[in-house]
Amino acid sequence: MVNATKGVFISCDIPMAQFIITLNAQQPANRKFIIHVLDNTHLFIQPDGVGTIRTKIQEFRDQNTYEKPP
């Protein structure tokens, strides 16, 4: 019998994939969202993890953005 899992396919560069994998590792066991790491640049995740990933990526970008002081 075939088991099918509903998920979201993510294609990204290697640093972003590592960021997502690290983010997943920091989650408690019941909130982990990665179903399978396909290769260095492709991940298969649970659909409910998309919001968490987007939020954390935006926070990361905000922290690493230089704004010239007025």
PDB file of N, CA and C in Angstrom:
ATOM      1  N   MET A   1       0.847  -1.180   0.000  1.00  0.00           N
ATOM      2  CA  MET A   1       0.000   0.000   0.000  1.00  0.00           C
ATOM      3  C   MET A   1       0.893   1.244   0.000  1.00  0.00           C
ATOM      4  N   VAL A   2       0.452   2.246  -0.708  1.00  0.00           N
ATOM      5  CA  VAL A   2       1.189   3.500  -0.822  1.00  0.00           C
ATOM      6  C   VAL A   2       0.694   4.468   0.239  1.00  0.00           C
ATOM      7  N   ASN A   3       1.638   5.129   0.902  1.00  0.00           N
ATOM      8  CA  ASN A   3       1.301   6.171   1.871  1.00  0.00           C
ATOM      9  C   ASN A   3       1.563   7.524   1.229  1.00  0.00           C
ATOM     10  N   ALA A   4       0.571   8.377   1.215  1.00  0.00           N
ATOM     11  CA  ALA A   4       0.714   9.722   0.655  1.00  0.00           C
ATOM     12  C   ALA A   4       0.677  10.732   1.791  1.00  0.00           C
ATOM     13  N   THR A   5       1.543  11.723   1.696  1.00  0.00           N
ATOM     14  CA  THR A   5       1.602  12.777   2.699  1.00  0.00           C
ATOM     15  C   THR A   5       1.445  14.112   1.998  1.00  0.00           C
ATOM     16  N   LYS A   6       0.528  14.929   2.489  1.00  0.00           N
ATOM     17  CA  LYS A   6       0.319  16.261   1.929  1.00  0.00           C
ATOM     18  C   LYS A   6       1.405  17.174   2.481  1.00  0.00           C
ATOM     19  N   GLY A   7       2.029  17.940   1.593  1.00  0.00           N
ATOM     20  CA  GLY A   7       3.091  18.828   2.031  1.00  0.00           C
ATOM     21  C   GLY A   7       3.376  19.908   1.009  1.00  0.00           C
ATOM     22  N   VAL A   8       4.411  20.691   1.313  1.00  0.00           N
ATOM     23  CA  VAL A   8       4.832  21.803   0.465  1.00  0.00           C
ATOM     24  C   VAL A   8       6.285  21.552   0.062  1.00  0.00           C
ATOM     25  N   PHE A   9       6.557  21.696  -1.218  1.00  0.00           N
ATOM     26  CA  PHE A   9       7.903  21.539  -1.758  1.00  0.00           C
ATOM     27  C   PHE A   9       8.595  22.897  -1.728  1.00  0.00           C
ATOM     28  N   ILE A  10       9.771  22.962  -1.124  1.00  0.00           N
ATOM     29  CA  ILE A  10      10.540  24.208  -1.065  1.00  0.00           C
ATOM     30  C   ILE A  10      11.839  24.018  -1.826  1.00  0.00           C
ATOM     31  N   SER A  11      12.110  24.933  -2.739  1.00  0.00           N
ATOM     32  CA  SER A  11      13.365  24.970  -3.474  1.00  0.00           C
ATOM     33  C   SER A  11      14.055  26.283  -3.107  1.00  0.00           C
ATOM     34  N   CYS A  12      15.287  26.189  -2.615  1.00  0.00           N
ATOM     35  CA  CYS A  12      16.005  27.389  -2.170  1.00  0.00           C
ATOM     36  C   CYS A  12      17.508  27.150  -2.306  1.00  0.00           C
ATOM     37  N   ASP A  13      18.295  28.171  -1.988  1.00  0.00           N
ATOM     38  CA  ASP A  13      19.736  27.982  -2.022  1.00  0.00           C
ATOM     39  C   ASP A  13      20.189  27.259  -0.749  1.00  0.00           C
ATOM     40  N   ILE A  14      21.436  26.825  -0.733  1.00  0.00           N
ATOM     41  CA  ILE A  14      21.943  26.010   0.369  1.00  0.00           C
ATOM     42  C   ILE A  14      21.895  26.745   1.713  1.00  0.00           C
ATOM     43  N   PRO A  15      22.336  28.010   1.806  1.00  0.00           N
ATOM     44  CA  PRO A  15      22.267  28.696   3.109  1.00  0.00           C
ATOM     45  C   PRO A  15      20.837  28.798   3.665  1.00  0.00           C
ATOM     46  N   MET A  16      19.868  29.065   2.785  1.00  0.00           N
ATOM     47  CA  MET A  16      18.485  29.171   3.251  1.00  0.00           C
ATOM     48  C   MET A  16      17.964  27.804   3.689  1.00  0.00           C
ATOM     49  N   ALA A  17      18.329  26.755   2.978  1.00  0.00           N
ATOM     50  CA  ALA A  17      17.922  25.404   3.385  1.00  0.00           C
ATOM     51  C   ALA A  17      18.501  25.073   4.760  1.00  0.00           C
ATOM     52  N   GLN A  18      19.750  25.443   4.995  1.00  0.00           N
ATOM     53  CA  GLN A  18      20.362  25.191   6.301  1.00  0.00           C
ATOM     54  C   GLN A  18      19.671  26.009   7.389  1.00  0.00           C
ATOM     55  N   PHE A  19      19.272  27.224   7.066  1.00  0.00           N
ATOM     56  CA  PHE A  19      18.534  28.055   8.027  1.00  0.00           C
ATOM     57  C   PHE A  19      17.215  27.375   8.398  1.00  0.00           C
ATOM     58  N   ILE A  20      16.500  26.852   7.410  1.00  0.00           N
ATOM     59  CA  ILE A  20      15.216  26.185   7.660  1.00  0.00           C
ATOM     60  C   ILE A  20      15.421  24.900   8.464  1.00  0.00           C
ATOM     61  N   ILE A  21      16.463  24.146   8.141  1.00  0.00           N
ATOM     62  CA  ILE A  21      16.755  22.911   8.885  1.00  0.00           C
ATOM     63  C   ILE A  21      17.093  23.233  10.336  1.00  0.00           C
ATOM     64  N   THR A  22      17.866  24.280  10.565  1.00  0.00           N
ATOM     65  CA  THR A  22      18.204  24.697  11.930  1.00  0.00           C
ATOM     66  C   THR A  22      16.959  25.166  12.670  1.00  0.00           C
ATOM     67  N   LEU A  23      16.116  25.910  11.991  1.00  0.00           N
ATOM     68  CA  LEU A  23      14.860  26.365  12.582  1.00  0.00           C
ATOM     69  C   LEU A  23      14.005  25.176  12.999  1.00  0.00           C
ATOM     70  N   ASN A  24      13.933  24.179  12.157  1.00  0.00           N
ATOM     71  CA  ASN A  24      13.176  22.970  12.460  1.00  0.00           C
ATOM     72  C   ASN A  24      13.762  22.250  13.675  1.00  0.00           C
ATOM     73  N   ALA A  25      15.087  22.195  13.768  1.00  0.00           N
ATOM     74  CA  ALA A  25      15.751  21.507  14.880  1.00  0.00           C
ATOM     75  C   ALA A  25      15.483  22.201  16.213  1.00  0.00           C
ATOM     76  N   GLN A  26      15.229  23.497  16.187  1.00  0.00           N
ATOM     77  CA  GLN A  26      14.965  24.255  17.410  1.00  0.00           C
ATOM     78  C   GLN A  26      13.535  24.084  17.914  1.00  0.00           C
ATOM     79  N   GLN A  27      12.660  23.516  17.101  1.00  0.00           N
ATOM     80  CA  GLN A  27      11.255  23.339  17.474  1.00  0.00           C
ATOM     81  C   GLN A  27      11.099  22.114  18.377  1.00  0.00           C
ATOM     82  N   PRO A  28      10.097  22.134  19.270  1.00  0.00           N
ATOM     83  CA  PRO A  28       9.796  20.919  20.031  1.00  0.00           C
ATOM     84  C   PRO A  28       9.319  19.815  19.081  1.00  0.00           C
ATOM     85  N   ALA A  29       9.393  18.589  19.527  1.00  0.00           N
ATOM     86  CA  ALA A  29       9.089  17.437  18.670  1.00  0.00           C
ATOM     87  C   ALA A  29       7.709  17.514  18.025  1.00  0.00           C
ATOM     88  N   ASN A  30       6.728  18.041  18.730  1.00  0.00           N
ATOM     89  CA  ASN A  30       5.364  18.092  18.167  1.00  0.00           C
ATOM     90  C   ASN A  30       5.161  19.250  17.195  1.00  0.00           C
ATOM     91  N   ARG A  31       6.153  20.133  17.031  1.00  0.00           N
ATOM     92  CA  ARG A  31       6.015  21.278  16.109  1.00  0.00           C
ATOM     93  C   ARG A  31       7.003  21.224  14.946  1.00  0.00           C
ATOM     94  N   LYS A  32       7.770  20.155  14.818  1.00  0.00           N
ATOM     95  CA  LYS A  32       8.711  20.031  13.705  1.00  0.00           C
ATOM     96  C   LYS A  32       7.923  19.940  12.402  1.00  0.00           C
ATOM     97  N   PHE A  33       8.407  20.617  11.371  1.00  0.00           N
ATOM     98  CA  PHE A  33       7.640  20.727  10.138  1.00  0.00           C
ATOM     99  C   PHE A  33       8.294  20.082   8.925  1.00  0.00           C
ATOM    100  N   ILE A  34       9.561  19.707   8.997  1.00  0.00           N
ATOM    101  CA  ILE A  34      10.203  19.071   7.842  1.00  0.00           C
ATOM    102  C   ILE A  34       9.788  17.613   7.778  1.00  0.00           C
ATOM    103  N   ILE A  35       9.239  17.230   6.635  1.00  0.00           N
ATOM    104  CA  ILE A  35       8.871  15.840   6.402  1.00  0.00           C
ATOM    105  C   ILE A  35      10.086  15.082   5.874  1.00  0.00           C
ATOM    106  N   HIS A  36      10.781  15.700   4.890  1.00  0.00           N
ATOM    107  CA  HIS A  36      11.948  15.047   4.310  1.00  0.00           C
ATOM    108  C   HIS A  36      12.863  16.081   3.663  1.00  0.00           C
ATOM    109  N   VAL A  37      14.172  15.938   3.891  1.00  0.00           N
ATOM    110  CA  VAL A  37      15.166  16.749   3.197  1.00  0.00           C
ATOM    111  C   VAL A  37      15.528  15.977   1.935  1.00  0.00           C
ATOM    112  N   LEU A  38      15.163  16.514   0.778  1.00  0.00           N
ATOM    113  CA  LEU A  38      15.370  15.802  -0.479  1.00  0.00           C
ATOM    114  C   LEU A  38      16.820  15.878  -0.957  1.00  0.00           C
ATOM    115  N   ASP A  39      17.416  17.055  -0.886  1.00  0.00           N
ATOM    116  CA  ASP A  39      18.839  17.254  -1.166  1.00  0.00           C
ATOM    117  C   ASP A  39      19.240  18.600  -0.564  1.00  0.00           C
ATOM    118  N   ASN A  40      20.381  19.136  -0.968  1.00  0.00           N
ATOM    119  CA  ASN A  40      20.897  20.371  -0.360  1.00  0.00           C
ATOM    120  C   ASN A  40      20.019  21.592  -0.588  1.00  0.00           C
ATOM    121  N   THR A  41      19.196  21.566  -1.616  1.00  0.00           N
ATOM    122  CA  THR A  41      18.409  22.758  -1.950  1.00  0.00           C
ATOM    123  C   THR A  41      16.910  22.504  -2.033  1.00  0.00           C
ATOM    124  N   HIS A  42      16.454  21.324  -1.666  1.00  0.00           N
ATOM    125  CA  HIS A  42      15.037  20.994  -1.761  1.00  0.00           C
ATOM    126  C   HIS A  42      14.548  20.331  -0.479  1.00  0.00           C
ATOM    127  N   LEU A  43      13.427  20.845   0.044  1.00  0.00           N
ATOM    128  CA  LEU A  43      12.830  20.317   1.270  1.00  0.00           C
ATOM    129  C   LEU A  43      11.355  20.040   1.029  1.00  0.00           C
ATOM    130  N   PHE A  44      10.834  19.073   1.755  1.00  0.00           N
ATOM    131  CA  PHE A  44       9.399  18.774   1.719  1.00  0.00           C
ATOM    132  C   PHE A  44       8.904  18.979   3.145  1.00  0.00           C
ATOM    133  N   ILE A  45       7.976  19.930   3.333  1.00  0.00           N
ATOM    134  CA  ILE A  45       7.540  20.292   4.683  1.00  0.00           C
ATOM    135  C   ILE A  45       6.028  20.179   4.821  1.00  0.00           C
ATOM    136  N   GLN A  46       5.578  20.175   6.069  1.00  0.00           N
ATOM    137  CA  GLN A  46       4.146  20.175   6.350  1.00  0.00           C
ATOM    138  C   GLN A  46       3.572  21.547   5.992  1.00  0.00           C
ATOM    139  N   PRO A  47       2.350  21.576   5.475  1.00  0.00           N
ATOM    140  CA  PRO A  47       1.751  22.852   5.056  1.00  0.00           C
ATOM    141  C   PRO A  47       1.643  23.887   6.187  1.00  0.00           C
ATOM    142  N   ASP A  48       1.447  23.448   7.415  1.00  0.00           N
ATOM    143  CA  ASP A  48       1.305  24.408   8.514  1.00  0.00           C
ATOM    144  C   ASP A  48       2.637  25.031   8.933  1.00  0.00           C
ATOM    145  N   GLY A  49       3.753  24.563   8.400  1.00  0.00           N
ATOM    146  CA  GLY A  49       5.052  25.141   8.721  1.00  0.00           C
ATOM    147  C   GLY A  49       5.425  26.329   7.860  1.00  0.00           C
ATOM    148  N   VAL A  50       4.682  26.577   6.806  1.00  0.00           N
ATOM    149  CA  VAL A  50       5.010  27.664   5.874  1.00  0.00           C
ATOM    150  C   VAL A  50       4.972  29.024   6.576  1.00  0.00           C
ATOM    151  N   GLY A  51       3.954  29.263   7.369  1.00  0.00           N
ATOM    152  CA  GLY A  51       3.834  30.541   8.071  1.00  0.00           C
ATOM    153  C   GLY A  51       4.992  30.781   9.027  1.00  0.00           C
ATOM    154  N   THR A  52       5.381  29.753   9.748  1.00  0.00           N
ATOM    155  CA  THR A  52       6.506  29.854  10.676  1.00  0.00           C
ATOM    156  C   THR A  52       7.787  30.195   9.930  1.00  0.00           C
ATOM    157  N   ILE A  53       8.022  29.517   8.826  1.00  0.00           N
ATOM    158  CA  ILE A  53       9.235  29.759   8.043  1.00  0.00           C
ATOM    159  C   ILE A  53       9.249  31.182   7.503  1.00  0.00           C
ATOM    160  N   ARG A  54       8.147  31.623   6.944  1.00  0.00           N
ATOM    161  CA  ARG A  54       8.086  32.993   6.397  1.00  0.00           C
ATOM    162  C   ARG A  54       8.345  34.037   7.482  1.00  0.00           C
ATOM    163  N   THR A  55       7.748  33.844   8.642  1.00  0.00           N
ATOM    164  CA  THR A  55       7.933  34.783   9.744  1.00  0.00           C
ATOM    165  C   THR A  55       9.387  34.837  10.190  1.00  0.00           C
ATOM    166  N   LYS A  56       9.999  33.678  10.375  1.00  0.00           N
ATOM    167  CA  LYS A  56      11.390  33.623  10.839  1.00  0.00           C
ATOM    168  C   LYS A  56      12.354  34.170   9.799  1.00  0.00           C
ATOM    169  N   ILE A  57      12.094  33.932   8.527  1.00  0.00           N
ATOM    170  CA  ILE A  57      12.951  34.486   7.478  1.00  0.00           C
ATOM    171  C   ILE A  57      12.845  36.006   7.466  1.00  0.00           C
ATOM    172  N   GLN A  58      11.636  36.529   7.611  1.00  0.00           N
ATOM    173  CA  GLN A  58      11.464  37.984   7.649  1.00  0.00           C
ATOM    174  C   GLN A  58      12.169  38.592   8.852  1.00  0.00           C
ATOM    175  N   GLU A  59      12.075  37.951  10.023  1.00  0.00           N
ATOM    176  CA  GLU A  59      12.778  38.429  11.214  1.00  0.00           C
ATOM    177  C   GLU A  59      14.287  38.420  10.984  1.00  0.00           C
ATOM    178  N   PHE A  60      14.792  37.352  10.372  1.00  0.00           N
ATOM    179  CA  PHE A  60      16.220  37.240  10.082  1.00  0.00           C
ATOM    180  C   PHE A  60      16.676  38.346   9.142  1.00  0.00           C
ATOM    181  N   ARG A  61      15.890  38.602   8.104  1.00  0.00           N
ATOM    182  CA  ARG A  61      16.237  39.671   7.155  1.00  0.00           C
ATOM    183  C   ARG A  61      16.189  41.042   7.811  1.00  0.00           C
ATOM    184  N   ASP A  62      15.209  41.267   8.668  1.00  0.00           N
ATOM    185  CA  ASP A  62      15.116  42.550   9.370  1.00  0.00           C
ATOM    186  C   ASP A  62      16.319  42.780  10.277  1.00  0.00           C
ATOM    187  N   GLN A  63      16.797  41.725  10.911  1.00  0.00           N
ATOM    188  CA  GLN A  63      17.957  41.833  11.800  1.00  0.00           C
ATOM    189  C   GLN A  63      19.236  42.095  11.019  1.00  0.00           C
ATOM    190  N   ASN A  64      19.304  41.650   9.783  1.00  0.00           N
ATOM    191  CA  ASN A  64      20.527  41.736   8.992  1.00  0.00           C
ATOM    192  C   ASN A  64      20.454  42.774   7.885  1.00  0.00           C
ATOM    193  N   THR A  65      19.567  43.735   8.040  1.00  0.00           N
ATOM    194  CA  THR A  65      19.436  44.803   7.063  1.00  0.00           C
ATOM    195  C   THR A  65      20.018  46.081   7.656  1.00  0.00           C
ATOM    196  N   TYR A  66      20.912  46.698   6.914  1.00  0.00           N
ATOM    197  CA  TYR A  66      21.521  47.945   7.380  1.00  0.00           C
ATOM    198  C   TYR A  66      20.642  49.112   6.965  1.00  0.00           C
ATOM    199  N   GLU A  67      20.373  49.960   7.916  1.00  0.00           N
ATOM    200  CA  GLU A  67      19.651  51.202   7.630  1.00  0.00           C
ATOM    201  C   GLU A  67      20.541  52.358   8.045  1.00  0.00           C
ATOM    202  N   LYS A  68      20.772  53.247   7.131  1.00  0.00           N
ATOM    203  CA  LYS A  68      21.616  54.407   7.402  1.00  0.00           C
ATOM    204  C   LYS A  68      20.946  55.281   8.443  1.00  0.00           C
ATOM    205  N   PRO A  69      21.706  55.657   9.482  1.00  0.00           N
ATOM    206  CA  PRO A  69      21.110  56.528  10.514  1.00  0.00           C
ATOM    207  C   PRO A  69      20.753  57.892   9.926  1.00  0.00           C
ATOM    208  N   PRO A  70      19.692  58.502  10.463  1.00  0.00           N
ATOM    209  CA  PRO A  70      19.277  59.808   9.931  1.00  0.00           C
ATOM    210  C   PRO A  70      20.249  60.925  10.215  1.00  0.00           C
TER     211      PRO A  70
END
